[in-house]
PDB file of N, CA and C in Angstrom:
ATOM      1  N   MET A   1     110.128  63.938 177.761  1.00  0.00           N
ATOM      2  CA  MET A   1     109.568  62.892 178.326  1.00  0.00           C
ATOM      3  C   MET A   1     108.091  62.980 178.422  1.00  0.00           C
ATOM      4  N   LYS A   2     107.521  64.613 178.788  1.00  0.00           N
ATOM      5  CA  LYS A   2     106.126  64.788 178.772  1.00  0.00           C
ATOM      6  C   LYS A   2     105.524  64.645 177.293  1.00  0.00           C
ATOM      7  N   LEU A   3     106.407  64.657 176.301  1.00  0.00           N
ATOM      8  CA  LEU A   3     105.674  64.817 174.897  1.00  0.00           C
ATOM      9  C   LEU A   3     105.571  63.269 174.552  1.00  0.00           C
ATOM     10  N   LEU A   4     106.342  62.306 175.226  1.00  0.00           N
ATOM     11  CA  LEU A   4     106.095  60.748 174.807  1.00  0.00           C
ATOM     12  C   LEU A   4     104.667  60.534 175.494  1.00  0.00           C
ATOM     13  N   ARG A   5     104.594  61.079 176.618  1.00  0.00           N
ATOM     14  CA  ARG A   5     103.073  60.765 177.218  1.00  0.00           C
ATOM     15  C   ARG A   5     102.013  61.199 176.667  1.00  0.00           C
ATOM     16  N   LEU A   6     102.249  62.484 175.959  1.00  0.00           N
ATOM     17  CA  LEU A   6     101.089  63.209 175.521  1.00  0.00           C
ATOM     18  C   LEU A   6     100.605  62.572 174.017  1.00  0.00           C
ATOM     19  N   THR A   7     101.679  62.030 173.439  1.00  0.00           N
ATOM     20  CA  THR A   7     101.500  61.654 171.980  1.00  0.00           C
ATOM     21  C   THR A   7     100.389  60.718 172.020  1.00  0.00           C
ATOM     22  N   PRO A   8     100.121  59.703 172.657  1.00  0.00           N
ATOM     23  CA  PRO A   8      99.080  58.828 172.498  1.00  0.00           C
ATOM     24  C   PRO A   8      97.560  59.343 172.801  1.00  0.00           C
ATOM     25  N   ILE A   9      97.686  60.574 173.543  1.00  0.00           N
ATOM     26  CA  ILE A   9      96.541  61.142 173.800  1.00  0.00           C
ATOM     27  C   ILE A   9      95.909  62.194 172.722  1.00  0.00           C
ATOM     28  N   ILE A  10      96.985  62.777 172.162  1.00  0.00           N
ATOM     29  CA  ILE A  10      96.854  63.588 170.923  1.00  0.00           C
ATOM     30  C   ILE A  10      96.431  62.678 169.639  1.00  0.00           C
ATOM     31  N   ALA A  11      97.158  61.400 169.623  1.00  0.00           N
ATOM     32  CA  ALA A  11      96.525  60.537 168.480  1.00  0.00           C
ATOM     33  C   ALA A  11      95.079  60.322 168.820  1.00  0.00           C
ATOM     34  N   LEU A  12      94.657  59.993 170.005  1.00  0.00           N
ATOM     35  CA  LEU A  12      93.268  59.553 170.086  1.00  0.00           C
ATOM     36  C   LEU A  12      92.305  60.813 169.804  1.00  0.00           C
ATOM     37  N   LEU A  13      92.874  61.739 170.225  1.00  0.00           N
ATOM     38  CA  LEU A  13      91.917  62.873 169.702  1.00  0.00           C
ATOM     39  C   LEU A  13      91.825  63.279 168.514  1.00  0.00           C
ATOM     40  N   ILE A  14      92.917  63.080 167.650  1.00  0.00           N
ATOM     41  CA  ILE A  14      92.752  63.325 166.287  1.00  0.00           C
ATOM     42  C   ILE A  14      91.867  62.292 165.568  1.00  0.00           C
ATOM     43  N   VAL A  15      92.120  61.090 166.048  1.00  0.00           N
ATOM     44  CA  VAL A  15      91.106  59.805 165.421  1.00  0.00           C
ATOM     45  C   VAL A  15      89.811  60.245 165.710  1.00  0.00           C
ATOM     46  N   GLY A  16      89.538  60.734 167.074  1.00  0.00           N
ATOM     47  CA  GLY A  16      88.149  61.044 167.436  1.00  0.00           C
ATOM     48  C   GLY A  16      87.613  61.975 166.529  1.00  0.00           C
ATOM     49  N   ALA A  17      88.263  63.091 166.396  1.00  0.00           N
ATOM     50  CA  ALA A  17      87.922  64.324 165.629  1.00  0.00           C
ATOM     51  C   ALA A  17      87.422  63.969 164.244  1.00  0.00           C
ATOM     52  N   ALA A  18      88.330  62.875 163.543  1.00  0.00           N
ATOM     53  CA  ALA A  18      88.188  62.744 162.247  1.00  0.00           C
ATOM     54  C   ALA A  18      86.804  61.794 162.262  1.00  0.00           C
ATOM     55  N   GLY A  19      86.632  61.055 163.182  1.00  0.00           N
ATOM     56  CA  GLY A  19      85.592  59.963 163.213  1.00  0.00           C
ATOM     57  C   GLY A  19      84.271  60.818 163.331  1.00  0.00           C
ATOM     58  N   SER A  20      84.372  61.974 164.083  1.00  0.00           N
ATOM     59  CA  SER A  20      83.026  62.772 164.176  1.00  0.00           C
ATOM     60  C   SER A  20      82.878  63.486 162.895  1.00  0.00           C
ATOM     61  N   VAL A  21      83.836  63.999 162.117  1.00  0.00           N
ATOM     62  CA  VAL A  21      83.610  64.464 160.677  1.00  0.00           C
ATOM     63  C   VAL A  21      82.855  63.649 159.958  1.00  0.00           C
ATOM     64  N   VAL A  22      83.350  62.490 159.791  1.00  0.00           N
ATOM     65  CA  VAL A  22      82.947  61.300 158.822  1.00  0.00           C
ATOM     66  C   VAL A  22      81.355  61.151 159.497  1.00  0.00           C
ATOM     67  N   ALA A  23      81.243  60.944 160.621  1.00  0.00           N
ATOM     68  CA  ALA A  23      79.832  60.564 161.170  1.00  0.00           C
ATOM     69  C   ALA A  23      78.855  61.761 160.837  1.00  0.00           C
ATOM     70  N   GLY A  24      79.400  62.775 160.691  1.00  0.00           N
ATOM     71  CA  GLY A  24      78.414  64.103 160.698  1.00  0.00           C
ATOM     72  C   GLY A  24      78.142  64.192 159.213  1.00  0.00           C
ATOM     73  N   THR A  25      78.872  63.524 158.290  1.00  0.00           N
ATOM     74  CA  THR A  25      78.607  63.789 156.911  1.00  0.00           C
ATOM     75  C   THR A  25      77.165  62.927 156.311  1.00  0.00           C
ATOM     76  N   PRO A  26      76.318  63.488 155.828  1.00  0.00           N
ATOM     77  CA  PRO A  26      75.062  62.811 155.220  1.00  0.00           C
ATOM     78  C   PRO A  26      75.484  61.860 154.394  1.00  0.00           C
ATOM     79  N   ALA A  27      74.707  60.853 154.373  1.00  0.00           N
ATOM     80  CA  ALA A  27      74.882  59.675 153.382  1.00  0.00           C
ATOM     81  C   ALA A  27      74.023  59.847 152.513  1.00  0.00           C
ATOM     82  N   MET A  28      74.351  59.558 151.162  1.00  0.00           N
ATOM     83  CA  MET A  28      73.594  59.767 149.989  1.00  0.00           C
ATOM     84  C   MET A  28      72.564  58.684 149.885  1.00  0.00           C
ATOM     85  N   ALA A  29      71.292  59.241 149.508  1.00  0.00           N
ATOM     86  CA  ALA A  29      70.006  58.222 149.695  1.00  0.00           C
ATOM     87  C   ALA A  29      70.274  57.202 148.632  1.00  0.00           C
ATOM     88  N   ALA A  30      69.782  55.969 148.798  1.00  0.00           N
ATOM     89  CA  ALA A  30      69.784  54.898 147.984  1.00  0.00           C
ATOM     90  C   ALA A  30      68.754  54.929 146.956  1.00  0.00           C
ATOM     91  N   PRO A  31      68.911  54.788 145.891  1.00  0.00           N
ATOM     92  CA  PRO A  31      67.745  54.656 144.877  1.00  0.00           C
ATOM     93  C   PRO A  31      66.713  53.524 145.228  1.00  0.00           C
ATOM     94  N   PRO A  32      65.598  53.729 144.907  1.00  0.00           N
ATOM     95  CA  PRO A  32      64.513  52.882 145.460  1.00  0.00           C
ATOM     96  C   PRO A  32      64.362  51.600 144.592  1.00  0.00           C
ATOM     97  N   PRO A  33      64.269  50.417 145.178  1.00  0.00           N
ATOM     98  CA  PRO A  33      64.510  49.279 144.320  1.00  0.00           C
ATOM     99  C   PRO A  33      63.363  48.789 143.622  1.00  0.00           C
ATOM    100  N   ASN A  34      62.223  49.411 143.840  1.00  0.00           N
ATOM    101  CA  ASN A  34      60.753  49.379 143.254  1.00  0.00           C
ATOM    102  C   ASN A  34      60.333  50.318 142.282  1.00  0.00           C
ATOM    103  N   GLY A  35      60.914  51.519 142.278  1.00  0.00           N
ATOM    104  CA  GLY A  35      60.717  52.602 141.446  1.00  0.00           C
ATOM    105  C   GLY A  35      59.834  53.568 142.049  1.00  0.00           C
ATOM    106  N   CYS A  36      59.446  53.276 143.364  1.00  0.00           N
ATOM    107  CA  CYS A  36      58.494  54.080 144.393  1.00  0.00           C
ATOM    108  C   CYS A  36      59.511  55.320 144.936  1.00  0.00           C
ATOM    109  N   PRO A  37      59.110  56.457 145.163  1.00  0.00           N
ATOM    110  CA  PRO A  37      59.656  57.269 146.325  1.00  0.00           C
ATOM    111  C   PRO A  37      59.511  56.967 147.628  1.00  0.00           C
ATOM    112  N   ALA A  38      60.261  57.331 148.450  1.00  0.00           N
ATOM    113  CA  ALA A  38      60.004  57.237 150.055  1.00  0.00           C
ATOM    114  C   ALA A  38      58.567  57.623 150.321  1.00  0.00           C
ATOM    115  N   GLY A  39      57.893  56.552 151.233  1.00  0.00           N
ATOM    116  CA  GLY A  39      56.629  56.843 151.779  1.00  0.00           C
ATOM    117  C   GLY A  39      55.426  56.287 150.605  1.00  0.00           C
ATOM    118  N   TYR A  40      55.927  55.729 149.495  1.00  0.00           N
ATOM    119  CA  TYR A  40      54.878  55.293 148.502  1.00  0.00           C
ATOM    120  C   TYR A  40      55.298  53.532 148.826  1.00  0.00           C
ATOM    121  N   GLN A  41      54.196  52.925 148.216  1.00  0.00           N
ATOM    122  CA  GLN A  41      54.303  51.479 148.273  1.00  0.00           C
ATOM    123  C   GLN A  41      53.869  51.124 146.733  1.00  0.00           C
ATOM    124  N   LEU A  42      54.624  49.881 146.427  1.00  0.00           N
ATOM    125  CA  LEU A  42      54.403  49.554 145.031  1.00  0.00           C
ATOM    126  C   LEU A  42      52.936  48.635 145.290  1.00  0.00           C
ATOM    127  N   LEU A  43      52.048  48.766 144.344  1.00  0.00           N
ATOM    128  CA  LEU A  43      50.748  48.411 144.212  1.00  0.00           C
ATOM    129  C   LEU A  43      50.483  47.659 142.933  1.00  0.00           C
ATOM    130  N   SER A  44      49.706  46.657 142.796  1.00  0.00           N
ATOM    131  CA  SER A  44      49.269  45.940 141.615  1.00  0.00           C
ATOM    132  C   SER A  44      48.111  46.767 140.956  1.00  0.00           C
ATOM    133  N   VAL A  45      48.268  47.190 139.730  1.00  0.00           N
ATOM    134  CA  VAL A  45      47.250  47.601 138.926  1.00  0.00           C
ATOM    135  C   VAL A  45      46.043  46.752 138.812  1.00  0.00           C
ATOM    136  N   ARG A  46      46.104  45.627 138.602  1.00  0.00           N
ATOM    137  CA  ARG A  46      45.321  44.482 138.317  1.00  0.00           C
ATOM    138  C   ARG A  46      44.523  44.350 139.679  1.00  0.00           C
ATOM    139  N   THR A  47      45.080  44.440 140.921  1.00  0.00           N
ATOM    140  CA  THR A  47      44.443  44.166 142.114  1.00  0.00           C
ATOM    141  C   THR A  47      43.549  45.451 142.564  1.00  0.00           C
ATOM    142  N   LEU A  48      44.108  46.479 142.286  1.00  0.00           N
ATOM    143  CA  LEU A  48      43.375  47.940 142.529  1.00  0.00           C
ATOM    144  C   LEU A  48      42.260  48.067 141.498  1.00  0.00           C
ATOM    145  N   THR A  49      42.368  47.723 140.411  1.00  0.00           N
ATOM    146  CA  THR A  49      41.110  47.684 139.504  1.00  0.00           C
ATOM    147  C   THR A  49      40.085  46.764 139.769  1.00  0.00           C
ATOM    148  N   ALA A  50      40.514  45.574 140.349  1.00  0.00           N
ATOM    149  CA  ALA A  50      39.444  44.636 140.858  1.00  0.00           C
ATOM    150  C   ALA A  50      38.642  45.069 142.142  1.00  0.00           C
ATOM    151  N   GLU A  51      39.447  45.920 142.979  1.00  0.00           N
ATOM    152  CA  GLU A  51      38.845  46.618 144.014  1.00  0.00           C
ATOM    153  C   GLU A  51      38.015  47.791 143.793  1.00  0.00           C
ATOM    154  N   GLY A  52      37.962  48.140 142.507  1.00  0.00           N
ATOM    155  CA  GLY A  52      37.133  49.420 142.001  1.00  0.00           C
ATOM    156  C   GLY A  52      38.094  50.761 141.663  1.00  0.00           C
ATOM    157  N   TYR A  53      39.336  50.655 141.931  1.00  0.00           N
ATOM    158  CA  TYR A  53      39.809  52.042 141.585  1.00  0.00           C
ATOM    159  C   TYR A  53      40.329  52.145 140.203  1.00  0.00           C
ATOM    160  N   MET A  54      39.902  53.219 139.435  1.00  0.00           N
ATOM    161  CA  MET A  54      40.205  53.379 138.060  1.00  0.00           C
ATOM    162  C   MET A  54      41.442  54.115 137.744  1.00  0.00           C
ATOM    163  N   VAL A  55      41.793  54.854 138.718  1.00  0.00           N
ATOM    164  CA  VAL A  55      43.050  55.817 138.372  1.00  0.00           C
ATOM    165  C   VAL A  55      44.535  55.029 138.108  1.00  0.00           C
ATOM    166  N   PRO A  56      44.683  54.143 138.900  1.00  0.00           N
ATOM    167  CA  PRO A  56      45.937  53.371 138.674  1.00  0.00           C
ATOM    168  C   PRO A  56      45.934  52.742 137.010  1.00  0.00           C
ATOM    169  N   ALA A  57      45.071  52.308 136.700  1.00  0.00           N
ATOM    170  CA  ALA A  57      45.253  51.952 135.249  1.00  0.00           C
ATOM    171  C   ALA A  57      45.568  53.010 134.135  1.00  0.00           C
ATOM    172  N   LEU A  58      44.863  54.363 134.778  1.00  0.00           N
ATOM    173  CA  LEU A  58      45.318  55.426 133.845  1.00  0.00           C
ATOM    174  C   LEU A  58      46.528  55.957 133.901  1.00  0.00           C
ATOM    175  N   VAL A  59      47.234  55.988 135.016  1.00  0.00           N
ATOM    176  CA  VAL A  59      48.547  56.169 135.506  1.00  0.00           C
ATOM    177  C   VAL A  59      49.339  55.450 134.895  1.00  0.00           C
ATOM    178  N   ASP A  60      49.531  54.220 134.796  1.00  0.00           N
ATOM    179  CA  ASP A  60      50.297  53.117 134.369  1.00  0.00           C
ATOM    180  C   ASP A  60      50.185  53.012 132.548  1.00  0.00           C
ATOM    181  N   SER A  61      49.187  53.553 132.329  1.00  0.00           N
ATOM    182  CA  SER A  61      48.999  53.373 130.639  1.00  0.00           C
ATOM    183  C   SER A  61      49.757  54.276 130.095  1.00  0.00           C
ATOM    184  N   PRO A  62      50.528  53.790 129.180  1.00  0.00           N
ATOM    185  CA  PRO A  62      51.537  54.612 128.062  1.00  0.00           C
ATOM    186  C   PRO A  62      50.640  55.645 127.148  1.00  0.00           C
ATOM    187  N   THR A  63      49.247  55.506 127.115  1.00  0.00           N
ATOM    188  CA  THR A  63      48.739  56.197 126.194  1.00  0.00           C
ATOM    189  C   THR A  63      47.363  57.007 126.691  1.00  0.00           C
ATOM    190  N   SER A  64      47.329  56.973 128.206  1.00  0.00           N
ATOM    191  CA  SER A  64      46.195  57.722 128.697  1.00  0.00           C
ATOM    192  C   SER A  64      46.499  59.047 128.560  1.00  0.00           C
ATOM    193  N   GLY A  65      47.698  59.665 128.512  1.00  0.00           N
ATOM    194  CA  GLY A  65      47.675  61.269 128.689  1.00  0.00           C
ATOM    195  C   GLY A  65      48.427  61.492 130.043  1.00  0.00           C
ATOM    196  N   LEU A  66      48.139  60.745 131.200  1.00  0.00           N
ATOM    197  CA  LEU A  66      48.538  61.138 132.220  1.00  0.00           C
ATOM    198  C   LEU A  66      50.415  61.011 132.109  1.00  0.00           C
ATOM    199  N   LYS A  67      50.700  61.871 133.087  1.00  0.00           N
ATOM    200  CA  LYS A  67      52.247  61.706 133.223  1.00  0.00           C
ATOM    201  C   LYS A  67      52.494  61.668 134.716  1.00  0.00           C
ATOM    202  N   SER A  68      53.653  60.778 134.994  1.00  0.00           N
ATOM    203  CA  SER A  68      54.271  60.742 136.263  1.00  0.00           C
ATOM    204  C   SER A  68      55.744  61.204 136.234  1.00  0.00           C
ATOM    205  N   PHE A  69      56.474  62.000 136.835  1.00  0.00           N
ATOM    206  CA  PHE A  69      57.697  62.392 136.546  1.00  0.00           C
ATOM    207  C   PHE A  69      58.086  62.886 135.150  1.00  0.00           C
ATOM    208  N   GLY A  70      56.730  63.689 134.454  1.00  0.00           N
ATOM    209  CA  GLY A  70      57.042  64.164 133.188  1.00  0.00           C
ATOM    210  C   GLY A  70      56.985  63.064 131.999  1.00  0.00           C
ATOM    211  N   GLN A  71      56.739  61.833 132.438  1.00  0.00           N
ATOM    212  CA  GLN A  71      56.418  60.671 131.300  1.00  0.00           C
ATOM    213  C   GLN A  71      55.268  59.967 131.453  1.00  0.00           C
ATOM    214  N   PRO A  72      54.883  59.306 130.355  1.00  0.00           N
ATOM    215  CA  PRO A  72      53.500  58.451 130.506  1.00  0.00           C
ATOM    216  C   PRO A  72      53.973  57.217 131.117  1.00  0.00           C
ATOM    217  N   GLY A  73      53.006  56.485 131.536  1.00  0.00           N
ATOM    218  CA  GLY A  73      53.127  55.240 132.490  1.00  0.00           C
ATOM    219  C   GLY A  73      53.813  54.529 131.408  1.00  0.00           C
ATOM    220  N   ASP A  74      54.425  53.377 132.079  1.00  0.00           N
ATOM    221  CA  ASP A  74      55.111  52.332 131.327  1.00  0.00           C
ATOM    222  C   ASP A  74      54.352  51.162 131.149  1.00  0.00           C
ATOM    223  N   GLY A  75      53.240  50.931 131.646  1.00  0.00           N
ATOM    224  CA  GLY A  75      52.402  49.695 131.043  1.00  0.00           C
ATOM    225  C   GLY A  75      52.749  48.651 131.808  1.00  0.00           C
ATOM    226  N   ASP A  76      53.790  48.584 132.757  1.00  0.00           N
ATOM    227  CA  ASP A  76      54.003  47.075 133.496  1.00  0.00           C
ATOM    228  C   ASP A  76      53.238  46.543 134.464  1.00  0.00           C
ATOM    229  N   GLY A  77      52.051  47.176 134.872  1.00  0.00           N
ATOM    230  CA  GLY A  77      51.001  46.680 135.488  1.00  0.00           C
ATOM    231  C   GLY A  77      51.170  46.932 137.029  1.00  0.00           C
ATOM    232  N   TRP A  78      52.102  47.899 137.498  1.00  0.00           N
ATOM    233  CA  TRP A  78      52.614  48.599 138.924  1.00  0.00           C
ATOM    234  C   TRP A  78      52.418  50.062 138.993  1.00  0.00           C
ATOM    235  N   VAL A  79      52.063  50.465 139.927  1.00  0.00           N
ATOM    236  CA  VAL A  79      52.002  51.908 140.468  1.00  0.00           C
ATOM    237  C   VAL A  79      52.683  51.991 141.853  1.00  0.00           C
ATOM    238  N   CYS A  80      52.867  53.215 142.240  1.00  0.00           N
ATOM    239  CA  CYS A  80      53.127  53.598 143.367  1.00  0.00           C
ATOM    240  C   CYS A  80      51.775  54.402 144.182  1.00  0.00           C
ATOM    241  N   GLY A  81      51.764  54.184 145.462  1.00  0.00           N
ATOM    242  CA  GLY A  81      50.535  54.539 145.886  1.00  0.00           C
ATOM    243  C   GLY A  81      50.872  55.090 147.429  1.00  0.00           C
ATOM    244  N   HIS A  82      50.331  56.368 147.773  1.00  0.00           N
ATOM    245  CA  HIS A  82      50.813  57.049 148.990  1.00  0.00           C
ATOM    246  C   HIS A  82      49.167  57.371 149.649  1.00  0.00           C
ATOM    247  N   GLN A  83      48.893  56.480 150.654  1.00  0.00           N
ATOM    248  CA  GLN A  83      47.382  56.647 151.332  1.00  0.00           C
ATOM    249  C   GLN A  83      47.496  58.117 151.772  1.00  0.00           C
ATOM    250  N   LEU A  84      46.300  58.885 151.691  1.00  0.00           N
ATOM    251  CA  LEU A  84      46.062  60.220 152.104  1.00  0.00           C
ATOM    252  C   LEU A  84      45.215  60.208 153.448  1.00  0.00           C
ATOM    253  N   GLY A  85      45.986  60.116 154.342  1.00  0.00           N
ATOM    254  CA  GLY A  85      45.383  60.148 155.836  1.00  0.00           C
ATOM    255  C   GLY A  85      44.081  59.003 155.986  1.00  0.00           C
ATOM    256  N   ASN A  86      43.217  59.448 156.361  1.00  0.00           N
ATOM    257  CA  ASN A  86      41.865  58.614 156.906  1.00  0.00           C
ATOM    258  C   ASN A  86      40.795  58.695 155.689  1.00  0.00           C
ATOM    259  N   GLN A  87      41.160  59.288 154.592  1.00  0.00           N
ATOM    260  CA  GLN A  87      40.111  59.586 153.555  1.00  0.00           C
ATOM    261  C   GLN A  87      39.750  58.425 153.053  1.00  0.00           C
ATOM    262  N   LEU A  88      38.475  58.262 152.612  1.00  0.00           N
ATOM    263  CA  LEU A  88      37.787  57.041 152.184  1.00  0.00           C
ATOM    264  C   LEU A  88      37.218  57.517 150.949  1.00  0.00           C
ATOM    265  N   THR A  89      37.117  56.655 149.720  1.00  0.00           N
ATOM    266  CA  THR A  89      36.546  56.782 148.470  1.00  0.00           C
ATOM    267  C   THR A  89      34.935  56.637 148.787  1.00  0.00           C
ATOM    268  N   PRO A  90      34.314  57.074 147.695  1.00  0.00           N
ATOM    269  CA  PRO A  90      32.826  56.695 147.868  1.00  0.00           C
ATOM    270  C   PRO A  90      32.492  55.104 148.065  1.00  0.00           C
ATOM    271  N   PHE A  91      33.267  54.414 147.601  1.00  0.00           N
ATOM    272  CA  PHE A  91      33.163  53.007 147.863  1.00  0.00           C
ATOM    273  C   PHE A  91      33.753  52.266 149.039  1.00  0.00           C
ATOM    274  N   GLY A  92      34.271  53.236 149.952  1.00  0.00           N
ATOM    275  CA  GLY A  92      34.695  52.941 151.083  1.00  0.00           C
ATOM    276  C   GLY A  92      36.340  52.426 151.432  1.00  0.00           C
ATOM    277  N   LEU A  93      37.069  52.615 150.287  1.00  0.00           N
ATOM    278  CA  LEU A  93      38.262  52.321 150.375  1.00  0.00           C
ATOM    279  C   LEU A  93      39.501  53.472 150.612  1.00  0.00           C
ATOM    280  N   PRO A  94      40.417  53.352 150.779  1.00  0.00           N
ATOM    281  CA  PRO A  94      41.353  54.663 151.199  1.00  0.00           C
ATOM    282  C   PRO A  94      41.615  55.059 150.107  1.00  0.00           C
ATOM    283  N   VAL A  95      41.670  56.473 149.989  1.00  0.00           N
ATOM    284  CA  VAL A  95      42.090  57.426 148.999  1.00  0.00           C
ATOM    285  C   VAL A  95      43.780  57.464 148.753  1.00  0.00           C
ATOM    286  N   TYR A  96      44.380  57.130 147.589  1.00  0.00           N
ATOM    287  CA  TYR A  96      45.541  57.413 147.452  1.00  0.00           C
ATOM    288  C   TYR A  96      45.905  58.339 146.492  1.00  0.00           C
ATOM    289  N   ASN A  97      47.281  58.826 146.585  1.00  0.00           N
ATOM    290  CA  ASN A  97      48.013  59.682 145.565  1.00  0.00           C
ATOM    291  C   ASN A  97      48.637  58.502 144.697  1.00  0.00           C
ATOM    292  N   PHE A  98      48.333  58.224 143.469  1.00  0.00           N
ATOM    293  CA  PHE A  98      48.996  57.269 142.641  1.00  0.00           C
ATOM    294  C   PHE A  98      50.093  57.865 141.622  1.00  0.00           C
ATOM    295  N   ILE A  99      50.996  57.423 141.429  1.00  0.00           N
ATOM    296  CA  ILE A  99      52.251  57.753 140.357  1.00  0.00           C
ATOM    297  C   ILE A  99      52.738  56.207 139.840  1.00  0.00           C
ATOM    298  N   ASP A 100      53.303  56.695 138.743  1.00  0.00           N
ATOM    299  CA  ASP A 100      53.818  55.402 138.036  1.00  0.00           C
ATOM    300  C   ASP A 100      55.248  55.170 138.551  1.00  0.00           C
ATOM    301  N   ASN A 101      55.690  53.784 138.663  1.00  0.00           N
ATOM    302  CA  ASN A 101      56.827  53.374 139.208  1.00  0.00           C
ATOM    303  C   ASN A 101      58.102  53.598 138.286  1.00  0.00           C
ATOM    304  N   GLN A 102      58.499  54.752 138.175  1.00  0.00           N
ATOM    305  CA  GLN A 102      59.591  55.052 137.357  1.00  0.00           C
ATOM    306  C   GLN A 102      60.838  55.550 137.771  1.00  0.00           C
ATOM    307  N   LEU A 103      60.894  55.639 138.962  1.00  0.00           N
ATOM    308  CA  LEU A 103      62.175  56.253 139.705  1.00  0.00           C
ATOM    309  C   LEU A 103      63.323  55.064 139.337  1.00  0.00           C
ATOM    310  N   PRO A 104      64.424  55.502 139.008  1.00  0.00           N
ATOM    311  CA  PRO A 104      65.443  54.561 138.589  1.00  0.00           C
ATOM    312  C   PRO A 104      65.712  53.530 139.744  1.00  0.00           C
ATOM    313  N   ALA A 105      65.815  52.343 139.408  1.00  0.00           N
ATOM    314  CA  ALA A 105      65.979  51.452 140.471  1.00  0.00           C
ATOM    315  C   ALA A 105      67.468  51.273 140.884  1.00  0.00           C
ATOM    316  N   SER A 106      67.518  50.758 142.249  1.00  0.00           N
ATOM    317  CA  SER A 106      69.127  50.333 142.658  1.00  0.00           C
ATOM    318  C   SER A 106      69.596  49.117 142.056  1.00  0.00           C
ATOM    319  N   THR A 107      70.839  49.303 141.986  1.00  0.00           N
ATOM    320  CA  THR A 107      71.449  48.015 141.384  1.00  0.00           C
ATOM    321  C   THR A 107      72.474  47.382 142.291  1.00  0.00           C
TER     322      THR A 107
END
């Protein structure tokens, strides 16, 4: 008789333990949809060049000799940028770390 009363409690404990194991497992990070790593934003080379930045065009160029992730730029007109704090360029715009947008996109 006691076993019949404890069975639902034991079942709930087993389900709860299994749920906490699943919840504790880290999920795989999804690949970026725009080719940029976390913390970077997709930026237009044309817009940045018009603002006075010269580096994004070099990063994006397949023939400049600069490499992102070990590969030359893909020439698609886009780069990833991460603003470096409150630093400013000599012409008063934010300083960025630029890389090409070549991380595999999510499908």
